[in-house]
Amino acid sequence: MPLYKIHKMADASHRAAMAAGMQGKFWEYHDKLFAAKKLSNDLLDSTAKELGLDLDKFKKDMNSNTVRQLIRKDLTDAQKAGVTGTPSVFINGRALTQRSVQGFQSLIDEELAQSKEGK
């Protein structure tokens, strides 16, 4: 769920990460973008180079209909699941609504109790 409306680099960064993924480097690329202080088109390209990606393929994939369709599908799936932003947390398919240690623990405990009852 990129912040398209409030972050001018969200779309390009999303497409770039997906393009990196098409060369097997999604998480490496993702981690470098999140570690960056400021995103820019130059950073997107230099990160691809740094990771040893085929830059021509990267740029072609980044602007391809395939990547755009994957992103649309991700957004549609997220909306169907009730995701309204990032980060969103689900435990066994249940959305975490209380974002505290106690909230996490409570939902995990409920799920563990249900799994024990189901055995």
C-alpha atoms as a PDB file:
ATOM      1  CA  MET A   1       0.000   0.000   0.000  1.00  0.00           C
ATOM      2  CA  PRO A   2       2.359   2.716  -1.175  1.00  0.00           C
ATOM      3  CA  LEU A   3       1.495   6.214  -0.034  1.00  0.00           C
ATOM      4  CA  TYR A   4       0.806   7.433  -3.567  1.00  0.00           C
ATOM      5  CA  LYS A   5      -1.178  10.487  -2.518  1.00  0.00           C
ATOM      6  CA  ILE A   6       1.401  11.875  -0.110  1.00  0.00           C
ATOM      7  CA  HIS A   7       4.751  10.566  -1.356  1.00  0.00           C
ATOM      8  CA  LYS A   8       5.897  11.667  -4.811  1.00  0.00           C
ATOM      9  CA  MET A   9       8.369   8.758  -5.138  1.00  0.00           C
ATOM     10  CA  ALA A  10       5.964   6.021  -4.001  1.00  0.00           C
ATOM     11  CA  ASP A  11       4.900   4.909  -7.471  1.00  0.00           C
ATOM     12  CA  ALA A  12       8.376   4.860  -8.996  1.00  0.00           C
ATOM     13  CA  SER A  13       9.863   3.172  -5.924  1.00  0.00           C
ATOM     14  CA  HIS A  14       7.163   0.517  -5.944  1.00  0.00           C
ATOM     15  CA  ARG A  15       7.687  -0.200  -9.634  1.00  0.00           C
ATOM     16  CA  ALA A  16      11.470  -0.238  -9.156  1.00  0.00           C
ATOM     17  CA  ALA A  17      11.281  -2.762  -6.314  1.00  0.00           C
ATOM     18  CA  MET A  18       9.013  -4.980  -8.397  1.00  0.00           C
ATOM     19  CA  ALA A  19      11.430  -4.707 -11.333  1.00  0.00           C
ATOM     20  CA  ALA A  20      14.309  -5.667  -9.040  1.00  0.00           C
ATOM     21  CA  GLY A  21      12.215  -8.623  -7.928  1.00  0.00           C
ATOM     22  CA  MET A  22      11.976  -9.794 -11.509  1.00  0.00           C
ATOM     23  CA  GLN A  23      15.752 -10.255 -11.294  1.00  0.00           C
ATOM     24  CA  GLY A  24      15.548 -11.992  -7.914  1.00  0.00           C
ATOM     25  CA  LYS A  25      16.598  -8.975  -5.832  1.00  0.00           C
ATOM     26  CA  PHE A  26      13.318  -7.642  -4.407  1.00  0.00           C
ATOM     27  CA  TRP A  27      14.268  -7.762  -0.718  1.00  0.00           C
ATOM     28  CA  GLU A  28      17.793  -6.479  -1.230  1.00  0.00           C
ATOM     29  CA  TYR A  29      16.417  -3.568  -3.252  1.00  0.00           C
ATOM     30  CA  HIS A  30      13.590  -2.981  -0.761  1.00  0.00           C
ATOM     31  CA  ASP A  31      16.001  -2.851   2.173  1.00  0.00           C
ATOM     32  CA  LYS A  32      18.268  -0.344   0.453  1.00  0.00           C
ATOM     33  CA  LEU A  33      15.353   1.954  -0.399  1.00  0.00           C
ATOM     34  CA  PHE A  34      14.043   1.877   3.157  1.00  0.00           C
ATOM     35  CA  ALA A  35      17.533   2.660   4.473  1.00  0.00           C
ATOM     36  CA  ALA A  36      17.871   5.696   2.185  1.00  0.00           C
ATOM     37  CA  LYS A  37      17.361   9.130   3.690  1.00  0.00           C
ATOM     38  CA  LYS A  38      15.751  10.515   0.534  1.00  0.00           C
ATOM     39  CA  LEU A  39      14.369   8.769  -2.528  1.00  0.00           C
ATOM     40  CA  SER A  40      15.084  10.015  -6.035  1.00  0.00           C
ATOM     41  CA  ASN A  41      15.131   8.636  -9.560  1.00  0.00           C
ATOM     42  CA  ASP A  42      18.929   8.688  -9.426  1.00  0.00           C
ATOM     43  CA  LEU A  43      18.850   6.583  -6.256  1.00  0.00           C
ATOM     44  CA  LEU A  44      16.533   4.047  -7.902  1.00  0.00           C
ATOM     45  CA  ASP A  45      19.014   3.596 -10.762  1.00  0.00           C
ATOM     46  CA  SER A  46      22.153   3.622  -8.604  1.00  0.00           C
ATOM     47  CA  THR A  47      20.644   1.023  -6.270  1.00  0.00           C
ATOM     48  CA  ALA A  48      19.911  -1.225  -9.248  1.00  0.00           C
ATOM     49  CA  LYS A  49      23.505  -0.822 -10.421  1.00  0.00           C
ATOM     50  CA  GLU A  50      24.864  -1.449  -6.915  1.00  0.00           C
ATOM     51  CA  LEU A  51      22.946  -4.729  -6.732  1.00  0.00           C
ATOM     52  CA  GLY A  52      24.308  -5.820 -10.098  1.00  0.00           C
ATOM     53  CA  LEU A  53      20.979  -5.731 -11.894  1.00  0.00           C
ATOM     54  CA  ASP A  54      20.770  -5.636 -15.668  1.00  0.00           C
ATOM     55  CA  LEU A  55      19.934  -1.922 -15.894  1.00  0.00           C
ATOM     56  CA  ASP A  56      18.264  -2.092 -19.315  1.00  0.00           C
ATOM     57  CA  LYS A  57      15.999  -4.941 -18.186  1.00  0.00           C
ATOM     58  CA  PHE A  58      15.366  -3.163 -14.876  1.00  0.00           C
ATOM     59  CA  LYS A  59      14.185   0.023 -16.605  1.00  0.00           C
ATOM     60  CA  LYS A  60      12.115  -1.913 -19.139  1.00  0.00           C
ATOM     61  CA  ASP A  61      10.457  -3.993 -16.389  1.00  0.00           C
ATOM     62  CA  MET A  62       9.922  -0.951 -14.195  1.00  0.00           C
ATOM     63  CA  ASN A  63       7.810   0.650 -16.917  1.00  0.00           C
ATOM     64  CA  SER A  64       6.161  -2.531 -18.180  1.00  0.00           C
ATOM     65  CA  ASN A  65       2.481  -3.389 -18.141  1.00  0.00           C
ATOM     66  CA  THR A  66       3.400  -6.592 -16.303  1.00  0.00           C
ATOM     67  CA  VAL A  67       4.742  -4.686 -13.280  1.00  0.00           C
ATOM     68  CA  ARG A  68       1.839  -2.248 -13.345  1.00  0.00           C
ATOM     69  CA  GLN A  69      -0.640  -5.172 -13.424  1.00  0.00           C
ATOM     70  CA  LEU A  70       1.128  -6.884 -10.504  1.00  0.00           C
ATOM     71  CA  ILE A  71       0.891  -3.685  -8.490  1.00  0.00           C
ATOM     72  CA  ARG A  72      -2.811  -3.258  -9.338  1.00  0.00           C
ATOM     73  CA  LYS A  73      -3.440  -6.857  -8.241  1.00  0.00           C
ATOM     74  CA  ASP A  74      -1.565  -6.281  -4.968  1.00  0.00           C
ATOM     75  CA  LEU A  75      -3.640  -3.167  -4.284  1.00  0.00           C
ATOM     76  CA  THR A  76      -6.893  -4.971  -5.118  1.00  0.00           C
ATOM     77  CA  ASP A  77      -5.945  -7.918  -2.892  1.00  0.00           C
ATOM     78  CA  ALA A  78      -5.023  -5.560  -0.059  1.00  0.00           C
ATOM     79  CA  GLN A  79      -8.344  -3.741  -0.320  1.00  0.00           C
ATOM     80  CA  LYS A  80     -10.248  -7.049  -0.313  1.00  0.00           C
ATOM     81  CA  ALA A  81      -8.363  -8.083   2.832  1.00  0.00           C
ATOM     82  CA  GLY A  82      -9.311  -4.826   4.538  1.00  0.00           C
ATOM     83  CA  VAL A  83      -5.866  -3.263   4.454  1.00  0.00           C
ATOM     84  CA  THR A  84      -6.136   0.505   4.601  1.00  0.00           C
ATOM     85  CA  GLY A  85      -2.466   1.385   4.988  1.00  0.00           C
ATOM     86  CA  THR A  86       0.950   0.183   5.914  1.00  0.00           C
ATOM     87  CA  PRO A  87       2.079  -1.466   7.937  1.00  0.00           C
ATOM     88  CA  SER A  88      -0.823  -3.845   8.398  1.00  0.00           C
ATOM     89  CA  VAL A  89      -0.509  -6.937  10.528  1.00  0.00           C
ATOM     90  CA  PHE A  90      -2.507 -10.141  10.216  1.00  0.00           C
ATOM     91  CA  ILE A  91      -2.189 -13.164  12.462  1.00  0.00           C
ATOM     92  CA  ASN A  92      -3.752 -16.303  10.978  1.00  0.00           C
ATOM     93  CA  GLY A  93      -5.776 -14.077   8.673  1.00  0.00           C
ATOM     94  CA  ARG A  94      -7.097 -11.861  11.473  1.00  0.00           C
ATOM     95  CA  ALA A  95      -6.256  -8.186  11.362  1.00  0.00           C
ATOM     96  CA  LEU A  96      -4.463  -6.813  14.384  1.00  0.00           C
ATOM     97  CA  THR A  97      -6.319  -3.715  15.525  1.00  0.00           C
ATOM     98  CA  GLN A  98      -4.623  -2.995  18.843  1.00  0.00           C
ATOM     99  CA  ARG A  99      -1.020  -2.060  18.043  1.00  0.00           C
ATOM    100  CA  SER A 100       0.630  -2.715  21.372  1.00  0.00           C
ATOM    101  CA  VAL A 101       2.628  -5.574  22.813  1.00  0.00           C
ATOM    102  CA  GLN A 102      -0.497  -6.570  24.711  1.00  0.00           C
ATOM    103  CA  GLY A 103      -2.568  -6.404  21.516  1.00  0.00           C
ATOM    104  CA  PHE A 104      -0.153  -8.696  19.699  1.00  0.00           C
ATOM    105  CA  GLN A 105       0.011 -11.091  22.622  1.00  0.00           C
ATOM    106  CA  SER A 106      -3.754 -11.191  23.050  1.00  0.00           C
ATOM    107  CA  LEU A 107      -4.407 -12.037  19.401  1.00  0.00           C
ATOM    108  CA  ILE A 108      -1.616 -14.622  19.348  1.00  0.00           C
ATOM    109  CA  ASP A 109      -2.967 -16.212  22.544  1.00  0.00           C
ATOM    110  CA  GLU A 110      -6.479 -16.349  21.044  1.00  0.00           C
ATOM    111  CA  GLU A 111      -5.166 -18.026  17.906  1.00  0.00           C
ATOM    112  CA  LEU A 112      -3.089 -20.521  19.867  1.00  0.00           C
ATOM    113  CA  ALA A 113      -6.088 -21.382  22.057  1.00  0.00           C
ATOM    114  CA  GLN A 114      -8.259 -21.933  18.960  1.00  0.00           C
ATOM    115  CA  SER A 115      -5.619 -24.150  17.360  1.00  0.00           C
ATOM    116  CA  LYS A 116      -5.417 -26.294  20.510  1.00  0.00           C
ATOM    117  CA  GLU A 117      -9.207 -26.624  20.586  1.00  0.00           C
ATOM    118  CA  GLY A 118      -9.217 -27.663  16.938  1.00  0.00           C
ATOM    119  CA  LYS A 119      -6.851 -30.607  17.483  1.00  0.00           C
END
